[in-house]
């Protein structure tokens, strides 16, 4: 079987790349596609793969998202129909799911974002099977059609790439940073269809960290965030960097979303997420003993909490996380089970 994997975001890029490599090791042929958005393409290329880049991000407006998706459907349909694809594996992805449905290709969905209402409503009813963390048992039932197969696993998606990660120390040295002397800050994804809250004060946090003598690395999601971070003198990588390598050597990670916080925590680096909703997969990671916490207080208090972390504490945490990580499953076995289970489109 030839398996088609499609990615819309850098996180999905890591997932698609790691799944593609795992599937190839098991005899599958793969086709990897992605859209032009942030470092999605570069993330996939870090794993030695060359994705087909199809379409681009539609921006923050409903019309922009709709038109970008429509253009992507047309091009993906042309590609998938000529590649002998036997199944699609992707996060809730309206354009790829629509193409798979139209061509009669089974769709195996992965998901850890029940709050992404629009993408889930558009894509999950077209799924033949869903693979998700046990932390989200039942969370997607309202989006699925009767008879859709659901396979849970004891872990989180991020375990797939953190388990195979090997630190190189290239990212922080290239930015002139001292190990455990800096904090990685990721602003909120405010243009996402599901994001309906105000900002969380990441600029105030950065100022507080800087006043306390810490280096601040900002990984912006959008050009406006990049411009403001640069204007204020924070370190912003000029291009795409290996976020795992950068986080591994940091003192802490603070993000307005969930993925990087879970990645950092699985590495053993103290991480905080300021997303307004409690993320069940993140709470699950915290309950397992990884250093992850949802922060509901002010930016100034958070800066103080981060500055109080000792480098020695982080080293101990990294060792402990390595032991805990061995107990987590990745989605690979469940994806294989879905692909080999006689899927119907």
C-alpha atoms as a PDB file:
ATOM      1  CA  UNK A   1       0.000   0.000   0.000  1.00  0.00           C
ATOM      2  CA  UNK A   2       1.116   3.547  -0.698  1.00  0.00           C
ATOM      3  CA  UNK A   3       0.275   5.819   2.225  1.00  0.00           C
ATOM      4  CA  UNK A   4      -0.248   9.537   1.745  1.00  0.00           C
ATOM      5  CA  UNK A   5       0.662  11.792   4.702  1.00  0.00           C
ATOM      6  CA  UNK A   6      -0.284  15.464   4.662  1.00  0.00           C
ATOM      7  CA  UNK A   7       0.819  18.202   7.088  1.00  0.00           C
ATOM      8  CA  UNK A   8      -0.433  21.735   7.670  1.00  0.00           C
ATOM      9  CA  UNK A   9       1.738  22.875  10.605  1.00  0.00           C
ATOM     10  CA  UNK A  10       5.284  22.254  11.895  1.00  0.00           C
ATOM     11  CA  UNK A  11       3.924  19.863  14.553  1.00  0.00           C
ATOM     12  CA  UNK A  12       2.071  17.933  11.868  1.00  0.00           C
ATOM     13  CA  UNK A  13       5.250  18.040   9.792  1.00  0.00           C
ATOM     14  CA  UNK A  14       7.169  16.176  12.510  1.00  0.00           C
ATOM     15  CA  UNK A  15       4.325  13.704  12.842  1.00  0.00           C
ATOM     16  CA  UNK A  16       4.120  13.084   9.097  1.00  0.00           C
ATOM     17  CA  UNK A  17       7.898  12.714   8.740  1.00  0.00           C
ATOM     18  CA  UNK A  18       8.288  10.319  11.671  1.00  0.00           C
ATOM     19  CA  UNK A  19       5.277   8.255  10.621  1.00  0.00           C
ATOM     20  CA  UNK A  20       6.560   8.106   7.043  1.00  0.00           C
ATOM     21  CA  UNK A  21       9.924   6.774   8.234  1.00  0.00           C
ATOM     22  CA  UNK A  22       8.239   4.229  10.516  1.00  0.00           C
ATOM     23  CA  UNK A  23       5.960   3.066   7.709  1.00  0.00           C
ATOM     24  CA  UNK A  24       8.844   2.784   5.252  1.00  0.00           C
ATOM     25  CA  UNK A  25      10.701   0.598   7.762  1.00  0.00           C
ATOM     26  CA  UNK A  26       7.685  -1.704   7.675  1.00  0.00           C
ATOM     27  CA  UNK A  27       7.527  -1.969   3.905  1.00  0.00           C
ATOM     28  CA  UNK A  28       5.040   0.760   3.026  1.00  0.00           C
ATOM     29  CA  UNK A  29       5.549   3.262   0.232  1.00  0.00           C
ATOM     30  CA  UNK A  30       4.793   6.851   1.252  1.00  0.00           C
ATOM     31  CA  UNK A  31       3.851  10.181  -0.284  1.00  0.00           C
ATOM     32  CA  UNK A  32       4.375  13.249   1.955  1.00  0.00           C
ATOM     33  CA  UNK A  33       2.722  16.565   1.166  1.00  0.00           C
ATOM     34  CA  UNK A  34       2.470  19.811   3.117  1.00  0.00           C
ATOM     35  CA  UNK A  35       1.414  23.416   2.692  1.00  0.00           C
ATOM     36  CA  UNK A  36       3.697  26.449   2.812  1.00  0.00           C
ATOM     37  CA  UNK A  37       3.299  27.632   6.396  1.00  0.00           C
ATOM     38  CA  UNK A  38       5.886  28.606   9.022  1.00  0.00           C
ATOM     39  CA  UNK A  39       8.574  25.894   9.112  1.00  0.00           C
ATOM     40  CA  UNK A  40       6.383  22.964   8.073  1.00  0.00           C
ATOM     41  CA  UNK A  41       8.434  22.101   4.982  1.00  0.00           C
ATOM     42  CA  UNK A  42      11.778  22.634   6.776  1.00  0.00           C
ATOM     43  CA  UNK A  43      10.651  20.435   9.674  1.00  0.00           C
ATOM     44  CA  UNK A  44       9.908  17.549   7.330  1.00  0.00           C
ATOM     45  CA  UNK A  45      13.209  18.067   5.510  1.00  0.00           C
ATOM     46  CA  UNK A  46      15.095  17.760   8.823  1.00  0.00           C
ATOM     47  CA  UNK A  47      14.224  14.055   8.705  1.00  0.00           C
ATOM     48  CA  UNK A  48      15.729  13.585   5.246  1.00  0.00           C
ATOM     49  CA  UNK A  49      12.424  13.682   3.373  1.00  0.00           C
ATOM     50  CA  UNK A  50      11.423  15.935   0.496  1.00  0.00           C
ATOM     51  CA  UNK A  51       7.706  16.763   0.700  1.00  0.00           C
ATOM     52  CA  UNK A  52       5.585  18.022  -2.144  1.00  0.00           C
ATOM     53  CA  UNK A  53       4.536  21.547  -1.153  1.00  0.00           C
ATOM     54  CA  UNK A  54       0.920  22.186  -2.077  1.00  0.00           C
ATOM     55  CA  UNK A  55      -0.831  25.465  -1.294  1.00  0.00           C
ATOM     56  CA  UNK A  56      -0.289  27.957   1.487  1.00  0.00           C
ATOM     57  CA  UNK A  57      -1.783  29.213   4.722  1.00  0.00           C
ATOM     58  CA  UNK A  58      -4.912  31.301   4.180  1.00  0.00           C
ATOM     59  CA  UNK A  59      -4.294  33.790   6.986  1.00  0.00           C
ATOM     60  CA  UNK A  60      -6.601  34.937   9.743  1.00  0.00           C
ATOM     61  CA  UNK A  61      -9.835  35.569   7.818  1.00  0.00           C
ATOM     62  CA  UNK A  62     -12.612  33.116   7.010  1.00  0.00           C
ATOM     63  CA  UNK A  63     -12.479  34.025   3.318  1.00  0.00           C
ATOM     64  CA  UNK A  64      -8.718  33.616   3.158  1.00  0.00           C
ATOM     65  CA  UNK A  65      -8.884  30.178   4.780  1.00  0.00           C
ATOM     66  CA  UNK A  66     -11.722  29.100   2.490  1.00  0.00           C
ATOM     67  CA  UNK A  67     -10.019  30.195  -0.733  1.00  0.00           C
ATOM     68  CA  UNK A  68      -6.675  28.653   0.262  1.00  0.00           C
ATOM     69  CA  UNK A  69      -8.433  25.399   1.101  1.00  0.00           C
ATOM     70  CA  UNK A  70     -10.320  25.372  -2.215  1.00  0.00           C
ATOM     71  CA  UNK A  71      -7.116  25.860  -4.190  1.00  0.00           C
ATOM     72  CA  UNK A  72      -5.428  23.129  -2.173  1.00  0.00           C
ATOM     73  CA  UNK A  73      -8.250  20.638  -2.830  1.00  0.00           C
ATOM     74  CA  UNK A  74      -7.835  21.041  -6.570  1.00  0.00           C
ATOM     75  CA  UNK A  75      -4.074  20.502  -6.544  1.00  0.00           C
ATOM     76  CA  UNK A  76      -4.119  17.652  -4.002  1.00  0.00           C
ATOM     77  CA  UNK A  77      -6.794  15.854  -6.027  1.00  0.00           C
ATOM     78  CA  UNK A  78      -4.583  15.999  -9.106  1.00  0.00           C
ATOM     79  CA  UNK A  79      -1.577  14.655  -7.190  1.00  0.00           C
ATOM     80  CA  UNK A  80      -3.311  11.950  -5.143  1.00  0.00           C
ATOM     81  CA  UNK A  81      -5.214  10.586  -8.125  1.00  0.00           C
ATOM     82  CA  UNK A  82      -2.000   9.962 -10.018  1.00  0.00           C
ATOM     83  CA  UNK A  83       0.096   8.485  -7.204  1.00  0.00           C
ATOM     84  CA  UNK A  84      -1.684   5.198  -6.526  1.00  0.00           C
ATOM     85  CA  UNK A  85      -2.511   6.187  -2.961  1.00  0.00           C
ATOM     86  CA  UNK A  86      -4.163   3.509  -0.800  1.00  0.00           C
ATOM     87  CA  UNK A  87      -4.802   5.523   2.368  1.00  0.00           C
ATOM     88  CA  UNK A  88      -4.458   9.020   3.812  1.00  0.00           C
ATOM     89  CA  UNK A  89      -2.972   9.615   7.276  1.00  0.00           C
ATOM     90  CA  UNK A  90      -3.309  13.155   8.633  1.00  0.00           C
ATOM     91  CA  UNK A  91      -4.563  15.408  11.393  1.00  0.00           C
ATOM     92  CA  UNK A  92      -8.077  16.844  10.841  1.00  0.00           C
ATOM     93  CA  UNK A  93      -7.424  18.439   7.515  1.00  0.00           C
ATOM     94  CA  UNK A  94     -10.418  19.643   5.484  1.00  0.00           C
ATOM     95  CA  UNK A  95      -8.661  19.770   2.108  1.00  0.00           C
ATOM     96  CA  UNK A  96      -6.909  16.391   2.290  1.00  0.00           C
ATOM     97  CA  UNK A  97      -9.939  14.702   3.878  1.00  0.00           C
ATOM     98  CA  UNK A  98     -12.192  16.037   1.110  1.00  0.00           C
ATOM     99  CA  UNK A  99      -9.820  14.743  -1.565  1.00  0.00           C
ATOM    100  CA  UNK A 100      -9.582  11.315   0.064  1.00  0.00           C
ATOM    101  CA  UNK A 101     -13.372  11.103   0.305  1.00  0.00           C
ATOM    102  CA  UNK A 102     -13.838  12.197  -3.287  1.00  0.00           C
ATOM    103  CA  UNK A 103     -11.337   9.643  -4.588  1.00  0.00           C
ATOM    104  CA  UNK A 104     -12.600   6.811  -2.376  1.00  0.00           C
ATOM    105  CA  UNK A 105      -9.364   6.656  -0.331  1.00  0.00           C
ATOM    106  CA  UNK A 106      -9.642   5.576   3.340  1.00  0.00           C
ATOM    107  CA  UNK A 107      -8.627   8.293   5.796  1.00  0.00           C
ATOM    108  CA  UNK A 108      -6.888   7.541   9.102  1.00  0.00           C
ATOM    109  CA  UNK A 109      -7.063  10.637  11.300  1.00  0.00           C
ATOM    110  CA  UNK A 110      -4.842  11.475  14.253  1.00  0.00           C
ATOM    111  CA  UNK A 111      -5.951  14.147  16.677  1.00  0.00           C
ATOM    112  CA  UNK A 112      -5.159  15.770  20.014  1.00  0.00           C
ATOM    113  CA  UNK A 113      -7.173  18.999  19.624  1.00  0.00           C
ATOM    114  CA  UNK A 114     -10.875  18.489  20.408  1.00  0.00           C
ATOM    115  CA  UNK A 115     -11.162  22.292  20.703  1.00  0.00           C
ATOM    116  CA  UNK A 116     -10.365  22.742  16.984  1.00  0.00           C
ATOM    117  CA  UNK A 117     -14.073  22.779  16.207  1.00  0.00           C
ATOM    118  CA  UNK A 118     -13.968  23.884  12.568  1.00  0.00           C
ATOM    119  CA  UNK A 119     -11.326  21.409  11.391  1.00  0.00           C
ATOM    120  CA  UNK A 120     -12.907  18.569  13.360  1.00  0.00           C
ATOM    121  CA  UNK A 121     -16.405  19.213  11.998  1.00  0.00           C
ATOM    122  CA  UNK A 122     -15.141  19.361   8.427  1.00  0.00           C
ATOM    123  CA  UNK A 123     -12.695  16.443   8.472  1.00  0.00           C
ATOM    124  CA  UNK A 124     -13.510  13.851  11.143  1.00  0.00           C
ATOM    125  CA  UNK A 125     -16.902  12.775   9.712  1.00  0.00           C
ATOM    126  CA  UNK A 126     -14.931  11.637   6.648  1.00  0.00           C
ATOM    127  CA  UNK A 127     -12.472   9.531   8.658  1.00  0.00           C
ATOM    128  CA  UNK A 128     -12.440   5.757   8.380  1.00  0.00           C
ATOM    129  CA  UNK A 129     -10.510   5.463  11.650  1.00  0.00           C
ATOM    130  CA  UNK A 130      -9.220   7.750  14.389  1.00  0.00           C
ATOM    131  CA  UNK A 131      -6.004   7.295  16.397  1.00  0.00           C
ATOM    132  CA  UNK A 132      -5.737   9.318  19.608  1.00  0.00           C
ATOM    133  CA  UNK A 133      -4.200   9.412  23.074  1.00  0.00           C
ATOM    134  CA  UNK A 134      -6.110   7.617  25.812  1.00  0.00           C
ATOM    135  CA  UNK A 135      -6.229  11.006  27.544  1.00  0.00           C
ATOM    136  CA  UNK A 136      -8.885  11.997  24.987  1.00  0.00           C
ATOM    137  CA  UNK A 137     -11.146   8.973  25.260  1.00  0.00           C
ATOM    138  CA  UNK A 138     -14.604   9.967  24.055  1.00  0.00           C
ATOM    139  CA  UNK A 139     -13.639  13.579  23.261  1.00  0.00           C
ATOM    140  CA  UNK A 140     -14.121  13.158  19.512  1.00  0.00           C
ATOM    141  CA  UNK A 141     -17.243  10.998  19.484  1.00  0.00           C
ATOM    142  CA  UNK A 142     -19.511  13.909  18.552  1.00  0.00           C
ATOM    143  CA  UNK A 143     -17.553  14.481  15.342  1.00  0.00           C
ATOM    144  CA  UNK A 144     -17.427  10.858  14.153  1.00  0.00           C
ATOM    145  CA  UNK A 145     -19.973   8.946  12.107  1.00  0.00           C
ATOM    146  CA  UNK A 146     -21.349   5.695  13.564  1.00  0.00           C
ATOM    147  CA  UNK A 147     -19.029   2.774  12.830  1.00  0.00           C
ATOM    148  CA  UNK A 148     -15.832   4.835  12.681  1.00  0.00           C
ATOM    149  CA  UNK A 149     -13.060   2.816  14.282  1.00  0.00           C
ATOM    150  CA  UNK A 150     -11.307   4.552  17.198  1.00  0.00           C
ATOM    151  CA  UNK A 151      -7.942   3.316  18.468  1.00  0.00           C
ATOM    152  CA  UNK A 152      -6.401   4.784  21.625  1.00  0.00           C
ATOM    153  CA  UNK A 153      -2.815   4.456  22.828  1.00  0.00           C
ATOM    154  CA  UNK A 154      -1.041   5.095  26.129  1.00  0.00           C
ATOM    155  CA  UNK A 155       0.958   8.189  25.280  1.00  0.00           C
ATOM    156  CA  UNK A 156       0.918  11.417  23.279  1.00  0.00           C
ATOM    157  CA  UNK A 157       1.870  12.226  19.700  1.00  0.00           C
ATOM    158  CA  UNK A 158       5.017  14.095  20.728  1.00  0.00           C
ATOM    159  CA  UNK A 159       6.508  10.909  22.192  1.00  0.00           C
ATOM    160  CA  UNK A 160       6.992   9.683  18.610  1.00  0.00           C
ATOM    161  CA  UNK A 161       9.689  12.243  17.773  1.00  0.00           C
ATOM    162  CA  UNK A 162      11.033  12.937  21.256  1.00  0.00           C
ATOM    163  CA  UNK A 163      11.893   9.240  21.648  1.00  0.00           C
ATOM    164  CA  UNK A 164      14.183   9.342  18.616  1.00  0.00           C
ATOM    165  CA  UNK A 165      15.623  12.820  19.296  1.00  0.00           C
ATOM    166  CA  UNK A 166      19.354  13.117  19.976  1.00  0.00           C
ATOM    167  CA  UNK A 167      20.647  16.519  21.220  1.00  0.00           C
ATOM    168  CA  UNK A 168      23.366  18.184  19.178  1.00  0.00           C
ATOM    169  CA  UNK A 169      23.632  21.593  20.827  1.00  0.00           C
ATOM    170  CA  UNK A 170      23.742  23.328  17.459  1.00  0.00           C
ATOM    171  CA  UNK A 171      20.625  25.506  17.792  1.00  0.00           C
ATOM    172  CA  UNK A 172      21.498  27.458  20.936  1.00  0.00           C
ATOM    173  CA  UNK A 173      25.198  27.821  20.106  1.00  0.00           C
ATOM    174  CA  UNK A 174      24.308  29.206  16.699  1.00  0.00           C
ATOM    175  CA  UNK A 175      22.334  31.937  18.463  1.00  0.00           C
ATOM    176  CA  UNK A 176      25.146  32.708  20.898  1.00  0.00           C
ATOM    177  CA  UNK A 177      23.243  31.371  23.906  1.00  0.00           C
ATOM    178  CA  UNK A 178      24.565  29.759  27.058  1.00  0.00           C
ATOM    179  CA  UNK A 179      23.154  26.363  28.029  1.00  0.00           C
ATOM    180  CA  UNK A 180      20.412  26.746  30.685  1.00  0.00           C
ATOM    181  CA  UNK A 181      20.857  30.514  30.450  1.00  0.00           C
ATOM    182  CA  UNK A 182      17.857  31.229  28.231  1.00  0.00           C
ATOM    183  CA  UNK A 183      14.097  30.695  27.941  1.00  0.00           C
ATOM    184  CA  UNK A 184      12.181  29.756  24.795  1.00  0.00           C
ATOM    185  CA  UNK A 185       8.948  31.742  24.356  1.00  0.00           C
ATOM    186  CA  UNK A 186       6.258  30.887  21.806  1.00  0.00           C
ATOM    187  CA  UNK A 187       3.358  33.378  21.357  1.00  0.00           C
ATOM    188  CA  UNK A 188      -0.251  32.297  20.918  1.00  0.00           C
ATOM    189  CA  UNK A 189      -1.733  31.098  17.612  1.00  0.00           C
ATOM    190  CA  UNK A 190      -4.262  33.901  17.507  1.00  0.00           C
ATOM    191  CA  UNK A 191      -5.148  33.508  13.814  1.00  0.00           C
ATOM    192  CA  UNK A 192      -6.263  29.895  14.229  1.00  0.00           C
ATOM    193  CA  UNK A 193      -9.961  29.297  13.540  1.00  0.00           C
ATOM    194  CA  UNK A 194     -10.501  28.110  17.127  1.00  0.00           C
ATOM    195  CA  UNK A 195      -8.654  30.973  18.883  1.00  0.00           C
ATOM    196  CA  UNK A 196     -11.168  33.429  20.334  1.00  0.00           C
ATOM    197  CA  UNK A 197      -9.267  34.895  23.292  1.00  0.00           C
ATOM    198  CA  UNK A 198      -7.011  37.883  23.774  1.00  0.00           C
ATOM    199  CA  UNK A 199      -3.225  37.679  24.042  1.00  0.00           C
ATOM    200  CA  UNK A 200      -1.606  36.359  27.206  1.00  0.00           C
ATOM    201  CA  UNK A 201       1.123  38.959  27.679  1.00  0.00           C
ATOM    202  CA  UNK A 202       4.099  37.218  26.128  1.00  0.00           C
ATOM    203  CA  UNK A 203       5.873  40.541  25.592  1.00  0.00           C
ATOM    204  CA  UNK A 204       5.507  41.392  29.278  1.00  0.00           C
ATOM    205  CA  UNK A 205       6.899  37.954  30.119  1.00  0.00           C
ATOM    206  CA  UNK A 206       9.902  38.511  27.855  1.00  0.00           C
ATOM    207  CA  UNK A 207      10.618  41.855  29.494  1.00  0.00           C
ATOM    208  CA  UNK A 208      10.451  40.247  32.932  1.00  0.00           C
ATOM    209  CA  UNK A 209      12.832  37.462  31.924  1.00  0.00           C
ATOM    210  CA  UNK A 210      15.266  39.934  30.380  1.00  0.00           C
ATOM    211  CA  UNK A 211      15.304  42.071  33.544  1.00  0.00           C
ATOM    212  CA  UNK A 212      16.222  38.958  35.500  1.00  0.00           C
ATOM    213  CA  UNK A 213      19.300  38.353  33.360  1.00  0.00           C
ATOM    214  CA  UNK A 214      17.960  35.539  31.194  1.00  0.00           C
ATOM    215  CA  UNK A 215      18.314  35.247  27.453  1.00  0.00           C
ATOM    216  CA  UNK A 216      14.990  35.269  25.617  1.00  0.00           C
ATOM    217  CA  UNK A 217      14.426  33.374  22.365  1.00  0.00           C
ATOM    218  CA  UNK A 218      11.107  34.082  20.672  1.00  0.00           C
ATOM    219  CA  UNK A 219       9.723  31.591  18.153  1.00  0.00           C
ATOM    220  CA  UNK A 220       6.978  33.651  16.495  1.00  0.00           C
ATOM    221  CA  UNK A 221       4.040  32.185  14.628  1.00  0.00           C
ATOM    222  CA  UNK A 222       3.300  35.266  12.532  1.00  0.00           C
ATOM    223  CA  UNK A 223       5.256  38.118  10.975  1.00  0.00           C
ATOM    224  CA  UNK A 224       3.714  40.720  13.297  1.00  0.00           C
ATOM    225  CA  UNK A 225       5.033  38.800  16.305  1.00  0.00           C
ATOM    226  CA  UNK A 226       8.445  38.484  14.678  1.00  0.00           C
ATOM    227  CA  UNK A 227       8.633  42.209  13.950  1.00  0.00           C
ATOM    228  CA  UNK A 228       7.676  43.190  17.506  1.00  0.00           C
ATOM    229  CA  UNK A 229      10.131  40.748  19.093  1.00  0.00           C
ATOM    230  CA  UNK A 230      12.962  42.042  16.920  1.00  0.00           C
ATOM    231  CA  UNK A 231      12.033  45.651  17.639  1.00  0.00           C
ATOM    232  CA  UNK A 232      12.363  44.972  21.361  1.00  0.00           C
ATOM    233  CA  UNK A 233      15.727  43.293  20.966  1.00  0.00           C
ATOM    234  CA  UNK A 234      14.863  39.669  21.705  1.00  0.00           C
ATOM    235  CA  UNK A 235      16.595  36.822  19.913  1.00  0.00           C
ATOM    236  CA  UNK A 236      14.554  35.580  16.959  1.00  0.00           C
ATOM    237  CA  UNK A 237      16.069  32.908  14.686  1.00  0.00           C
ATOM    238  CA  UNK A 238      16.419  34.205  11.136  1.00  0.00           C
ATOM    239  CA  UNK A 239      15.234  30.927   9.667  1.00  0.00           C
ATOM    240  CA  UNK A 240      13.957  27.580  10.855  1.00  0.00           C
ATOM    241  CA  UNK A 241      15.771  25.913  13.742  1.00  0.00           C
ATOM    242  CA  UNK A 242      15.389  22.507  15.355  1.00  0.00           C
ATOM    243  CA  UNK A 243      13.009  23.409  18.145  1.00  0.00           C
ATOM    244  CA  UNK A 244      13.729  20.213  20.061  1.00  0.00           C
ATOM    245  CA  UNK A 245      17.454  20.929  20.149  1.00  0.00           C
ATOM    246  CA  UNK A 246      16.822  24.527  21.178  1.00  0.00           C
ATOM    247  CA  UNK A 247      14.416  23.524  23.971  1.00  0.00           C
ATOM    248  CA  UNK A 248      16.584  20.694  25.262  1.00  0.00           C
ATOM    249  CA  UNK A 249      19.329  23.115  26.336  1.00  0.00           C
ATOM    250  CA  UNK A 250      16.990  25.836  27.677  1.00  0.00           C
ATOM    251  CA  UNK A 251      16.194  26.653  31.295  1.00  0.00           C
ATOM    252  CA  UNK A 252      12.460  26.590  30.549  1.00  0.00           C
ATOM    253  CA  UNK A 253       9.872  26.863  27.779  1.00  0.00           C
ATOM    254  CA  UNK A 254       6.717  29.019  27.821  1.00  0.00           C
ATOM    255  CA  UNK A 255       4.122  28.785  25.060  1.00  0.00           C
ATOM    256  CA  UNK A 256       0.658  30.014  24.231  1.00  0.00           C
ATOM    257  CA  UNK A 257      -0.164  26.604  22.762  1.00  0.00           C
ATOM    258  CA  UNK A 258       0.359  23.007  23.794  1.00  0.00           C
ATOM    259  CA  UNK A 259       2.722  21.147  21.480  1.00  0.00           C
ATOM    260  CA  UNK A 260       6.032  22.778  22.414  1.00  0.00           C
ATOM    261  CA  UNK A 261       5.169  22.619  26.111  1.00  0.00           C
ATOM    262  CA  UNK A 262       4.615  18.867  25.848  1.00  0.00           C
ATOM    263  CA  UNK A 263       7.775  18.404  23.775  1.00  0.00           C
ATOM    264  CA  UNK A 264       9.847  20.292  26.338  1.00  0.00           C
ATOM    265  CA  UNK A 265       8.280  18.411  29.245  1.00  0.00           C
ATOM    266  CA  UNK A 266       8.973  15.042  27.614  1.00  0.00           C
ATOM    267  CA  UNK A 267      12.593  16.189  27.265  1.00  0.00           C
ATOM    268  CA  UNK A 268      12.583  17.042  30.975  1.00  0.00           C
ATOM    269  CA  UNK A 269      12.755  20.824  30.548  1.00  0.00           C
ATOM    270  CA  UNK A 270      10.284  22.766  32.762  1.00  0.00           C
ATOM    271  CA  UNK A 271       7.463  24.017  30.566  1.00  0.00           C
ATOM    272  CA  UNK A 272       4.424  26.235  31.006  1.00  0.00           C
ATOM    273  CA  UNK A 273       1.458  26.753  28.704  1.00  0.00           C
ATOM    274  CA  UNK A 274      -0.874  29.737  28.895  1.00  0.00           C
ATOM    275  CA  UNK A 275      -3.636  28.458  26.603  1.00  0.00           C
ATOM    276  CA  UNK A 276      -6.936  29.513  28.243  1.00  0.00           C
ATOM    277  CA  UNK A 277      -8.437  26.003  28.202  1.00  0.00           C
ATOM    278  CA  UNK A 278      -6.961  23.093  30.097  1.00  0.00           C
ATOM    279  CA  UNK A 279      -5.538  20.766  27.461  1.00  0.00           C
ATOM    280  CA  UNK A 280      -6.305  17.195  28.466  1.00  0.00           C
ATOM    281  CA  UNK A 281      -3.236  15.756  26.754  1.00  0.00           C
ATOM    282  CA  UNK A 282      -1.052  18.283  28.584  1.00  0.00           C
ATOM    283  CA  UNK A 283      -2.702  17.514  31.932  1.00  0.00           C
ATOM    284  CA  UNK A 284      -2.114  13.827  31.158  1.00  0.00           C
ATOM    285  CA  UNK A 285       1.602  14.470  30.602  1.00  0.00           C
ATOM    286  CA  UNK A 286       1.777  16.415  33.870  1.00  0.00           C
ATOM    287  CA  UNK A 287       0.045  13.609  35.819  1.00  0.00           C
ATOM    288  CA  UNK A 288       2.649  11.178  34.519  1.00  0.00           C
ATOM    289  CA  UNK A 289       5.356  13.178  36.271  1.00  0.00           C
ATOM    290  CA  UNK A 290       6.775  15.331  33.473  1.00  0.00           C
ATOM    291  CA  UNK A 291       7.551  19.016  34.297  1.00  0.00           C
ATOM    292  CA  UNK A 292       4.533  20.632  32.637  1.00  0.00           C
ATOM    293  CA  UNK A 293       2.100  23.170  34.064  1.00  0.00           C
ATOM    294  CA  UNK A 294      -0.758  25.332  32.865  1.00  0.00           C
ATOM    295  CA  UNK A 295      -0.127  28.916  33.976  1.00  0.00           C
ATOM    296  CA  UNK A 296      -3.176  30.987  34.890  1.00  0.00           C
ATOM    297  CA  UNK A 297      -1.467  33.876  36.687  1.00  0.00           C
ATOM    298  CA  UNK A 298       0.156  37.047  35.421  1.00  0.00           C
ATOM    299  CA  UNK A 299       3.175  37.404  33.148  1.00  0.00           C
ATOM    300  CA  UNK A 300       5.268  39.040  35.872  1.00  0.00           C
ATOM    301  CA  UNK A 301       4.641  36.172  38.286  1.00  0.00           C
ATOM    302  CA  UNK A 302       5.509  33.704  35.572  1.00  0.00           C
ATOM    303  CA  UNK A 303       8.804  35.475  34.871  1.00  0.00           C
ATOM    304  CA  UNK A 304       9.645  35.212  38.575  1.00  0.00           C
ATOM    305  CA  UNK A 305       8.738  31.508  38.661  1.00  0.00           C
ATOM    306  CA  UNK A 306      10.906  30.758  35.636  1.00  0.00           C
ATOM    307  CA  UNK A 307      13.859  32.788  36.938  1.00  0.00           C
ATOM    308  CA  UNK A 308      13.771  30.807  40.193  1.00  0.00           C
ATOM    309  CA  UNK A 309      14.527  27.525  38.403  1.00  0.00           C
ATOM    310  CA  UNK A 310      18.052  26.246  39.013  1.00  0.00           C
ATOM    311  CA  UNK A 311      20.110  24.675  36.226  1.00  0.00           C
ATOM    312  CA  UNK A 312      20.817  21.674  38.445  1.00  0.00           C
ATOM    313  CA  UNK A 313      17.089  21.068  38.859  1.00  0.00           C
ATOM    314  CA  UNK A 314      16.712  20.891  35.095  1.00  0.00           C
ATOM    315  CA  UNK A 315      19.507  18.341  34.744  1.00  0.00           C
ATOM    316  CA  UNK A 316      17.811  16.083  37.295  1.00  0.00           C
ATOM    317  CA  UNK A 317      14.488  16.572  35.550  1.00  0.00           C
ATOM    318  CA  UNK A 318      15.997  15.589  32.196  1.00  0.00           C
ATOM    319  CA  UNK A 319      17.258  12.304  33.660  1.00  0.00           C
ATOM    320  CA  UNK A 320      13.886  11.519  35.215  1.00  0.00           C
ATOM    321  CA  UNK A 321      12.023  12.352  31.996  1.00  0.00           C
ATOM    322  CA  UNK A 322      14.197   9.929  30.036  1.00  0.00           C
ATOM    323  CA  UNK A 323      13.029   7.111  32.319  1.00  0.00           C
ATOM    324  CA  UNK A 324       9.382   8.153  32.194  1.00  0.00           C
ATOM    325  CA  UNK A 325       9.451   8.481  28.404  1.00  0.00           C
ATOM    326  CA  UNK A 326      10.230   4.783  28.022  1.00  0.00           C
ATOM    327  CA  UNK A 327       6.796   3.976  29.435  1.00  0.00           C
ATOM    328  CA  UNK A 328       4.901   5.978  26.834  1.00  0.00           C
ATOM    329  CA  UNK A 329       3.553   4.513  23.619  1.00  0.00           C
ATOM    330  CA  UNK A 330       3.649   6.282  20.268  1.00  0.00           C
ATOM    331  CA  UNK A 331       0.783   6.289  17.760  1.00  0.00           C
ATOM    332  CA  UNK A 332       2.702   4.069  15.307  1.00  0.00           C
ATOM    333  CA  UNK A 333       1.280   0.666  16.382  1.00  0.00           C
ATOM    334  CA  UNK A 334      -2.295   1.989  16.252  1.00  0.00           C
ATOM    335  CA  UNK A 335      -1.756   3.596  12.843  1.00  0.00           C
ATOM    336  CA  UNK A 336      -0.430   0.273  11.560  1.00  0.00           C
ATOM    337  CA  UNK A 337      -3.406  -1.515  13.099  1.00  0.00           C
ATOM    338  CA  UNK A 338      -5.761   0.863  11.319  1.00  0.00           C
ATOM    339  CA  UNK A 339      -3.999   0.526   7.963  1.00  0.00           C
ATOM    340  CA  UNK A 340      -3.904  -3.252   8.165  1.00  0.00           C
ATOM    341  CA  UNK A 341      -7.445  -3.632   9.459  1.00  0.00           C
ATOM    342  CA  UNK A 342      -9.344  -3.602   6.189  1.00  0.00           C
ATOM    343  CA  UNK A 343     -10.234   0.093   6.026  1.00  0.00           C
ATOM    344  CA  UNK A 344     -13.226   1.304   4.087  1.00  0.00           C
ATOM    345  CA  UNK A 345     -13.441   4.776   2.596  1.00  0.00           C
END
